[in-house]
PDB file of N, CA and C in Angstrom:
ATOM      1  N   UNK A   1       0.845  -1.160   0.000  1.00  0.00           N
ATOM      2  CA  UNK A   1       0.000   0.000   0.000  1.00  0.00           C
ATOM      3  C   UNK A   1       0.896   1.230   0.000  1.00  0.00           C
ATOM      4  N   UNK A   2       0.487   2.227  -0.724  1.00  0.00           N
ATOM      5  CA  UNK A   2       1.231   3.482  -0.807  1.00  0.00           C
ATOM      6  C   UNK A   2       0.574   4.548   0.068  1.00  0.00           C
ATOM      7  N   UNK A   3       1.353   5.550   0.431  1.00  0.00           N
ATOM      8  CA  UNK A   3       0.857   6.655   1.235  1.00  0.00           C
ATOM      9  C   UNK A   3      -0.218   7.417   0.459  1.00  0.00           C
ATOM     10  N   UNK A   4      -1.255   7.848   1.153  1.00  0.00           N
ATOM     11  CA  UNK A   4      -2.351   8.591   0.524  1.00  0.00           C
ATOM     12  C   UNK A   4      -1.854   9.915  -0.046  1.00  0.00           C
ATOM     13  N   UNK A   5      -0.939  10.572   0.640  1.00  0.00           N
ATOM     14  CA  UNK A   5      -0.442  11.877   0.210  1.00  0.00           C
ATOM     15  C   UNK A   5       0.780  11.789  -0.706  1.00  0.00           C
ATOM     16  N   UNK A   6       1.577  10.729  -0.561  1.00  0.00           N
ATOM     17  CA  UNK A   6       2.796  10.561  -1.353  1.00  0.00           C
ATOM     18  C   UNK A   6       2.719   9.215  -2.072  1.00  0.00           C
ATOM     19  N   UNK A   7       2.315   9.220  -3.308  1.00  0.00           N
ATOM     20  CA  UNK A   7       2.075   7.978  -4.058  1.00  0.00           C
ATOM     21  C   UNK A   7       3.325   7.140  -4.283  1.00  0.00           C
ATOM     22  N   UNK A   8       4.503   7.723  -4.137  1.00  0.00           N
ATOM     23  CA  UNK A   8       5.741   6.988  -4.382  1.00  0.00           C
ATOM     24  C   UNK A   8       6.322   6.346  -3.124  1.00  0.00           C
ATOM     25  N   UNK A   9       5.775   6.649  -1.944  1.00  0.00           N
ATOM     26  CA  UNK A   9       6.301   6.143  -0.670  1.00  0.00           C
ATOM     27  C   UNK A   9       5.351   5.083  -0.112  1.00  0.00           C
ATOM     28  N   UNK A  10       5.934   3.988   0.411  1.00  0.00           N
ATOM     29  CA  UNK A  10       5.115   2.942   1.029  1.00  0.00           C
ATOM     30  C   UNK A  10       4.515   3.427   2.340  1.00  0.00           C
ATOM     31  N   UNK A  11       3.292   3.006   2.598  1.00  0.00           N
ATOM     32  CA  UNK A  11       2.620   3.348   3.849  1.00  0.00           C
ATOM     33  C   UNK A  11       3.138   2.460   4.974  1.00  0.00           C
ATOM     34  N   UNK A  12       3.231   3.018   6.172  1.00  0.00           N
ATOM     35  CA  UNK A  12       3.669   2.256   7.338  1.00  0.00           C
ATOM     36  C   UNK A  12       2.518   1.991   8.305  1.00  0.00           C
ATOM     37  N   UNK A  13       1.369   2.611   8.057  1.00  0.00           N
ATOM     38  CA  UNK A  13       0.206   2.417   8.922  1.00  0.00           C
ATOM     39  C   UNK A  13      -1.042   2.975   8.283  1.00  0.00           C
ATOM     40  N   UNK A  14      -2.154   2.770   8.968  1.00  0.00           N
ATOM     41  CA  UNK A  14      -3.448   3.229   8.478  1.00  0.00           C
ATOM     42  C   UNK A  14      -4.077   4.109   9.548  1.00  0.00           C
ATOM     43  N   UNK A  15      -4.622   5.246   9.148  1.00  0.00           N
ATOM     44  CA  UNK A  15      -5.287   6.153  10.075  1.00  0.00           C
ATOM     45  C   UNK A  15      -6.494   5.447  10.695  1.00  0.00           C
ATOM     46  N   UNK A  16      -6.626   5.533  12.003  1.00  0.00           N
ATOM     47  CA  UNK A  16      -7.707   4.869  12.728  1.00  0.00           C
ATOM     48  C   UNK A  16      -9.064   5.490  12.417  1.00  0.00           C
ATOM     49  N   UNK A  17      -9.093   6.733  11.969  1.00  0.00           N
ATOM     50  CA  UNK A  17     -10.347   7.415  11.689  1.00  0.00           C
ATOM     51  C   UNK A  17     -10.773   7.279  10.233  1.00  0.00           C
ATOM     52  N   UNK A  18      -9.902   7.636   9.303  1.00  0.00           N
ATOM     53  CA  UNK A  18     -10.306   7.682   7.889  1.00  0.00           C
ATOM     54  C   UNK A  18      -9.770   6.512   7.058  1.00  0.00           C
ATOM     55  N   UNK A  19      -8.963   5.644   7.658  1.00  0.00           N
ATOM     56  CA  UNK A  19      -8.435   4.437   7.010  1.00  0.00           C
ATOM     57  C   UNK A  19      -7.560   4.709   5.790  1.00  0.00           C
ATOM     58  N   UNK A  20      -6.889   5.840   5.766  1.00  0.00           N
ATOM     59  CA  UNK A  20      -5.955   6.148   4.687  1.00  0.00           C
ATOM     60  C   UNK A  20      -4.586   5.580   5.049  1.00  0.00           C
ATOM     61  N   UNK A  21      -3.869   5.071   4.050  1.00  0.00           N
ATOM     62  CA  UNK A  21      -2.505   4.627   4.257  1.00  0.00           C
ATOM     63  C   UNK A  21      -1.602   5.833   4.455  1.00  0.00           C
ATOM     64  N   UNK A  22      -0.693   5.761   5.435  1.00  0.00           N
ATOM     65  CA  UNK A  22       0.155   6.907   5.763  1.00  0.00           C
ATOM     66  C   UNK A  22       1.618   6.506   5.853  1.00  0.00           C
ATOM     67  N   UNK A  23       2.501   7.378   5.372  1.00  0.00           N
ATOM     68  CA  UNK A  23       3.940   7.159   5.529  1.00  0.00           C
ATOM     69  C   UNK A  23       4.387   7.765   6.852  1.00  0.00           C
ATOM     70  N   UNK A  24       5.663   7.660   7.171  1.00  0.00           N
ATOM     71  CA  UNK A  24       6.161   8.150   8.465  1.00  0.00           C
ATOM     72  C   UNK A  24       6.051   9.664   8.598  1.00  0.00           C
ATOM     73  N   UNK A  25       6.108  10.400   7.512  1.00  0.00           N
ATOM     74  CA  UNK A  25       6.018  11.856   7.614  1.00  0.00           C
ATOM     75  C   UNK A  25       4.572  12.348   7.700  1.00  0.00           C
ATOM     76  N   UNK A  26       3.617  11.514   7.351  1.00  0.00           N
ATOM     77  CA  UNK A  26       2.212  11.933   7.352  1.00  0.00           C
ATOM     78  C   UNK A  26       1.437  11.466   8.583  1.00  0.00           C
ATOM     79  N   UNK A  27       2.008  10.580   9.392  1.00  0.00           N
ATOM     80  CA  UNK A  27       1.234  10.052  10.518  1.00  0.00           C
ATOM     81  C   UNK A  27       1.649  10.668  11.841  1.00  0.00           C
ATOM     82  N   UNK A  28       0.737  10.565  12.785  1.00  0.00           N
ATOM     83  CA  UNK A  28       1.002  10.943  14.170  1.00  0.00           C
ATOM     84  C   UNK A  28       0.632   9.745  15.023  1.00  0.00           C
ATOM     85  N   UNK A  29       1.590   9.224  15.772  1.00  0.00           N
ATOM     86  CA  UNK A  29       1.321   8.065  16.618  1.00  0.00           C
ATOM     87  C   UNK A  29       0.696   8.536  17.920  1.00  0.00           C
ATOM     88  N   UNK A  30      -0.467   7.973  18.223  1.00  0.00           N
ATOM     89  CA  UNK A  30      -1.177   8.268  19.458  1.00  0.00           C
ATOM     90  C   UNK A  30      -1.114   7.050  20.361  1.00  0.00           C
ATOM     91  N   UNK A  31      -1.772   7.114  21.498  1.00  0.00           N
ATOM     92  CA  UNK A  31      -1.705   6.030  22.471  1.00  0.00           C
ATOM     93  C   UNK A  31      -2.165   4.705  21.885  1.00  0.00           C
ATOM     94  N   UNK A  32      -3.291   4.686  21.242  1.00  0.00           N
ATOM     95  CA  UNK A  32      -3.842   3.441  20.686  1.00  0.00           C
ATOM     96  C   UNK A  32      -4.194   3.599  19.221  1.00  0.00           C
ATOM     97  N   UNK A  33      -3.262   4.030  18.417  1.00  0.00           N
ATOM     98  CA  UNK A  33      -3.537   4.136  17.003  1.00  0.00           C
ATOM     99  C   UNK A  33      -2.681   5.175  16.317  1.00  0.00           C
ATOM    100  N   UNK A  34      -2.916   5.284  15.032  1.00  0.00           N
ATOM    101  CA  UNK A  34      -2.211   6.244  14.190  1.00  0.00           C
ATOM    102  C   UNK A  34      -3.256   7.163  13.571  1.00  0.00           C
ATOM    103  N   UNK A  35      -2.926   8.451  13.465  1.00  0.00           N
ATOM    104  CA  UNK A  35      -3.848   9.424  12.881  1.00  0.00           C
ATOM    105  C   UNK A  35      -3.129  10.245  11.820  1.00  0.00           C
ATOM    106  N   UNK A  36      -3.918  10.820  10.904  1.00  0.00           N
ATOM    107  CA  UNK A  36      -3.368  11.778   9.948  1.00  0.00           C
ATOM    108  C   UNK A  36      -2.809  12.951  10.745  1.00  0.00           C
ATOM    109  N   UNK A  37      -1.723  13.519  10.297  1.00  0.00           N
ATOM    110  CA  UNK A  37      -1.014  14.533  11.057  1.00  0.00           C
ATOM    111  C   UNK A  37      -1.883  15.721  11.440  1.00  0.00           C
ATOM    112  N   UNK A  38      -2.704  16.214  10.534  1.00  0.00           N
ATOM    113  CA  UNK A  38      -3.415  17.451  10.846  1.00  0.00           C
ATOM    114  C   UNK A  38      -4.922  17.297  11.002  1.00  0.00           C
ATOM    115  N   UNK A  39      -5.511  16.285  10.428  1.00  0.00           N
ATOM    116  CA  UNK A  39      -6.968  16.282  10.354  1.00  0.00           C
ATOM    117  C   UNK A  39      -7.683  15.332  11.302  1.00  0.00           C
ATOM    118  N   UNK A  40      -7.126  14.212  11.639  1.00  0.00           N
ATOM    119  CA  UNK A  40      -7.865  13.179  12.361  1.00  0.00           C
ATOM    120  C   UNK A  40      -7.430  12.959  13.801  1.00  0.00           C
ATOM    121  N   UNK A  41      -6.542  13.766  14.331  1.00  0.00           N
ATOM    122  CA  UNK A  41      -6.010  13.532  15.681  1.00  0.00           C
ATOM    123  C   UNK A  41      -7.119  13.590  16.726  1.00  0.00           C
ATOM    124  N   UNK A  42      -7.956  14.613  16.684  1.00  0.00           N
ATOM    125  CA  UNK A  42      -9.024  14.752  17.671  1.00  0.00           C
ATOM    126  C   UNK A  42     -10.053  13.622  17.547  1.00  0.00           C
ATOM    127  N   UNK A  43     -10.362  13.220  16.320  1.00  0.00           N
ATOM    128  CA  UNK A  43     -11.326  12.136  16.121  1.00  0.00           C
ATOM    129  C   UNK A  43     -10.799  10.816  16.686  1.00  0.00           C
ATOM    130  N   UNK A  44      -9.519  10.539  16.471  1.00  0.00           N
ATOM    131  CA  UNK A  44      -8.928   9.308  17.001  1.00  0.00           C
ATOM    132  C   UNK A  44      -8.901   9.344  18.526  1.00  0.00           C
ATOM    133  N   UNK A  45      -8.626  10.501  19.110  1.00  0.00           N
ATOM    134  CA  UNK A  45      -8.678  10.621  20.571  1.00  0.00           C
ATOM    135  C   UNK A  45     -10.093  10.351  21.081  1.00  0.00           C
ATOM    136  N   UNK A  46     -11.106  10.822  20.359  1.00  0.00           N
ATOM    137  CA  UNK A  46     -12.500  10.564  20.745  1.00  0.00           C
ATOM    138  C   UNK A  46     -12.841   9.081  20.610  1.00  0.00           C
ATOM    139  N   UNK A  47     -12.358   8.429  19.562  1.00  0.00           N
ATOM    140  CA  UNK A  47     -12.574   6.986  19.388  1.00  0.00           C
ATOM    141  C   UNK A  47     -11.953   6.227  20.549  1.00  0.00           C
ATOM    142  N   UNK A  48     -10.729   6.580  20.922  1.00  0.00           N
ATOM    143  CA  UNK A  48     -10.056   5.920  22.046  1.00  0.00           C
ATOM    144  C   UNK A  48     -10.815   6.134  23.352  1.00  0.00           C
ATOM    145  N   UNK A  49     -11.374   7.336  23.553  1.00  0.00           N
ATOM    146  CA  UNK A  49     -12.152   7.618  24.757  1.00  0.00           C
ATOM    147  C   UNK A  49     -13.424   6.764  24.795  1.00  0.00           C
ATOM    148  N   UNK A  50     -14.092   6.627  23.658  1.00  0.00           N
ATOM    149  CA  UNK A  50     -15.291   5.784  23.585  1.00  0.00           C
ATOM    150  C   UNK A  50     -14.971   4.323  23.888  1.00  0.00           C
ATOM    151  N   UNK A  51     -13.845   3.855  23.404  1.00  0.00           N
ATOM    152  CA  UNK A  51     -13.435   2.469  23.678  1.00  0.00           C
ATOM    153  C   UNK A  51     -13.182   2.283  25.168  1.00  0.00           C
ATOM    154  N   UNK A  52     -12.514   3.244  25.801  1.00  0.00           N
ATOM    155  CA  UNK A  52     -12.243   3.144  27.243  1.00  0.00           C
ATOM    156  C   UNK A  52     -13.543   3.157  28.041  1.00  0.00           C
ATOM    157  N   UNK A  53     -14.500   4.017  27.662  1.00  0.00           N
ATOM    158  CA  UNK A  53     -15.788   4.065  28.357  1.00  0.00           C
ATOM    159  C   UNK A  53     -16.547   2.754  28.167  1.00  0.00           C
ATOM    160  N   UNK A  54     -16.459   2.180  26.982  1.00  0.00           N
ATOM    161  CA  UNK A  54     -17.137   0.917  26.719  1.00  0.00           C
ATOM    162  C   UNK A  54     -16.569  -0.200  27.584  1.00  0.00           C
ATOM    163  N   UNK A  55     -15.257  -0.236  27.733  1.00  0.00           N
ATOM    164  CA  UNK A  55     -14.631  -1.249  28.583  1.00  0.00           C
ATOM    165  C   UNK A  55     -15.054  -1.075  30.034  1.00  0.00           C
ATOM    166  N   UNK A  56     -15.139   0.170  30.501  1.00  0.00           N
ATOM    167  CA  UNK A  56     -15.543   0.432  31.880  1.00  0.00           C
ATOM    168  C   UNK A  56     -16.994   0.030  32.110  1.00  0.00           C
ATOM    169  N   UNK A  57     -17.879   0.322  31.172  1.00  0.00           N
ATOM    170  CA  UNK A  57     -19.282  -0.037  31.344  1.00  0.00           C
ATOM    171  C   UNK A  57     -19.463  -1.553  31.259  1.00  0.00           C
ATOM    172  N   UNK A  58     -18.630  -2.228  30.497  1.00  0.00           N
ATOM    173  CA  UNK A  58     -18.690  -3.686  30.416  1.00  0.00           C
ATOM    174  C   UNK A  58     -18.352  -4.295  31.772  1.00  0.00           C
ATOM    175  N   UNK A  59     -17.342  -3.774  32.441  1.00  0.00           N
ATOM    176  CA  UNK A  59     -16.976  -4.264  33.775  1.00  0.00           C
ATOM    177  C   UNK A  59     -18.109  -4.025  34.764  1.00  0.00           C
ATOM    178  N   UNK A  60     -18.770  -2.873  34.675  1.00  0.00           N
ATOM    179  CA  UNK A  60     -19.896  -2.568  35.554  1.00  0.00           C
ATOM    180  C   UNK A  60     -21.047  -3.537  35.309  1.00  0.00           C
ATOM    181  N   UNK A  61     -21.341  -3.819  34.048  1.00  0.00           N
ATOM    182  CA  UNK A  61     -22.433  -4.730  33.712  1.00  0.00           C
ATOM    183  C   UNK A  61     -22.151  -6.139  34.233  1.00  0.00           C
ATOM    184  N   UNK A  62     -20.919  -6.580  34.143  1.00  0.00           N
ATOM    185  CA  UNK A  62     -20.564  -7.907  34.658  1.00  0.00           C
ATOM    186  C   UNK A  62     -20.836  -7.971  36.157  1.00  0.00           C
ATOM    187  N   UNK A  63     -20.481  -6.915  36.881  1.00  0.00           N
ATOM    188  CA  UNK A  63     -20.721  -6.876  38.312  1.00  0.00           C
ATOM    189  C   UNK A  63     -22.209  -6.930  38.646  1.00  0.00           C
ATOM    190  N   UNK A  64     -23.020  -6.223  37.884  1.00  0.00           N
ATOM    191  CA  UNK A  64     -24.465  -6.224  38.108  1.00  0.00           C
ATOM    192  C   UNK A  64     -25.036  -7.614  37.863  1.00  0.00           C
ATOM    193  N   UNK A  65     -24.620  -8.263  36.793  1.00  0.00           N
ATOM    194  CA  UNK A  65     -25.121  -9.606  36.489  1.00  0.00           C
ATOM    195  C   UNK A  65     -24.692 -10.614  37.560  1.00  0.00           C
ATOM    196  N   UNK A  66     -23.475 -10.475  38.060  1.00  0.00           N
ATOM    197  CA  UNK A  66     -23.004 -11.396  39.082  1.00  0.00           C
ATOM    198  C   UNK A  66     -23.779 -11.203  40.391  1.00  0.00           C
ATOM    199  N   UNK A  67     -24.032  -9.955  40.776  1.00  0.00           N
ATOM    200  CA  UNK A  67     -24.820  -9.705  41.982  1.00  0.00           C
ATOM    201  C   UNK A  67     -26.235 -10.238  41.827  1.00  0.00           C
ATOM    202  N   UNK A  68     -26.819 -10.036  40.664  1.00  0.00           N
ATOM    203  CA  UNK A  68     -28.166 -10.530  40.407  1.00  0.00           C
ATOM    204  C   UNK A  68     -28.210 -12.054  40.493  1.00  0.00           C
ATOM    205  N   UNK A  69     -27.231 -12.715  39.934  1.00  0.00           N
ATOM    206  CA  UNK A  69     -27.182 -14.179  39.995  1.00  0.00           C
ATOM    207  C   UNK A  69     -27.004 -14.649  41.434  1.00  0.00           C
ATOM    208  N   UNK A  70     -26.180 -13.955  42.211  1.00  0.00           N
ATOM    209  CA  UNK A  70     -25.945 -14.335  43.602  1.00  0.00           C
ATOM    210  C   UNK A  70     -27.235 -14.176  44.427  1.00  0.00           C
ATOM    211  N   UNK A  71     -27.945 -13.047  44.249  1.00  0.00           N
ATOM    212  CA  UNK A  71     -29.180 -12.818  44.983  1.00  0.00           C
ATOM    213  C   UNK A  71     -30.234 -13.849  44.598  1.00  0.00           C
ATOM    214  N   UNK A  72     -30.354 -14.129  43.316  1.00  0.00           N
ATOM    215  CA  UNK A  72     -31.326 -15.111  42.853  1.00  0.00           C
ATOM    216  C   UNK A  72     -31.000 -16.486  43.421  1.00  0.00           C
ATOM    217  N   UNK A  73     -29.741 -16.858  43.425  1.00  0.00           N
ATOM    218  CA  UNK A  73     -29.317 -18.155  43.969  1.00  0.00           C
ATOM    219  C   UNK A  73     -29.578 -18.226  45.473  1.00  0.00           C
ATOM    220  N   UNK A  74     -29.302 -17.129  46.170  1.00  0.00           N
ATOM    221  CA  UNK A  74     -29.491 -17.088  47.625  1.00  0.00           C
ATOM    222  C   UNK A  74     -30.970 -17.237  48.005  1.00  0.00           C
ATOM    223  N   UNK A  75     -31.844 -16.516  47.318  1.00  0.00           N
ATOM    224  CA  UNK A  75     -33.268 -16.601  47.631  1.00  0.00           C
ATOM    225  C   UNK A  75     -33.909 -17.883  47.102  1.00  0.00           C
ATOM    226  N   UNK A  76     -33.269 -18.487  46.125  1.00  0.00           N
ATOM    227  CA  UNK A  76     -33.816 -19.715  45.537  1.00  0.00           C
ATOM    228  C   UNK A  76     -33.600 -20.874  46.423  1.00  0.00           C
TER     229      UNK A  76
END
């Protein structure tokens, strides 16, 4: 795959937001992904925040289901 902005250079990664192939001069490495240098950084940060919130709510839901199962078993 070639870089979206530089057709002669091989891409080293794909933007997490827009899925464009990027070379080393066009990408910005973030905590959990790669973004286009100027346009997609904020969007990728928002995607990462949504993923973190989803993981946290999943842990909360597991706790609720476990408590519900324990109460049901106890009263049963």
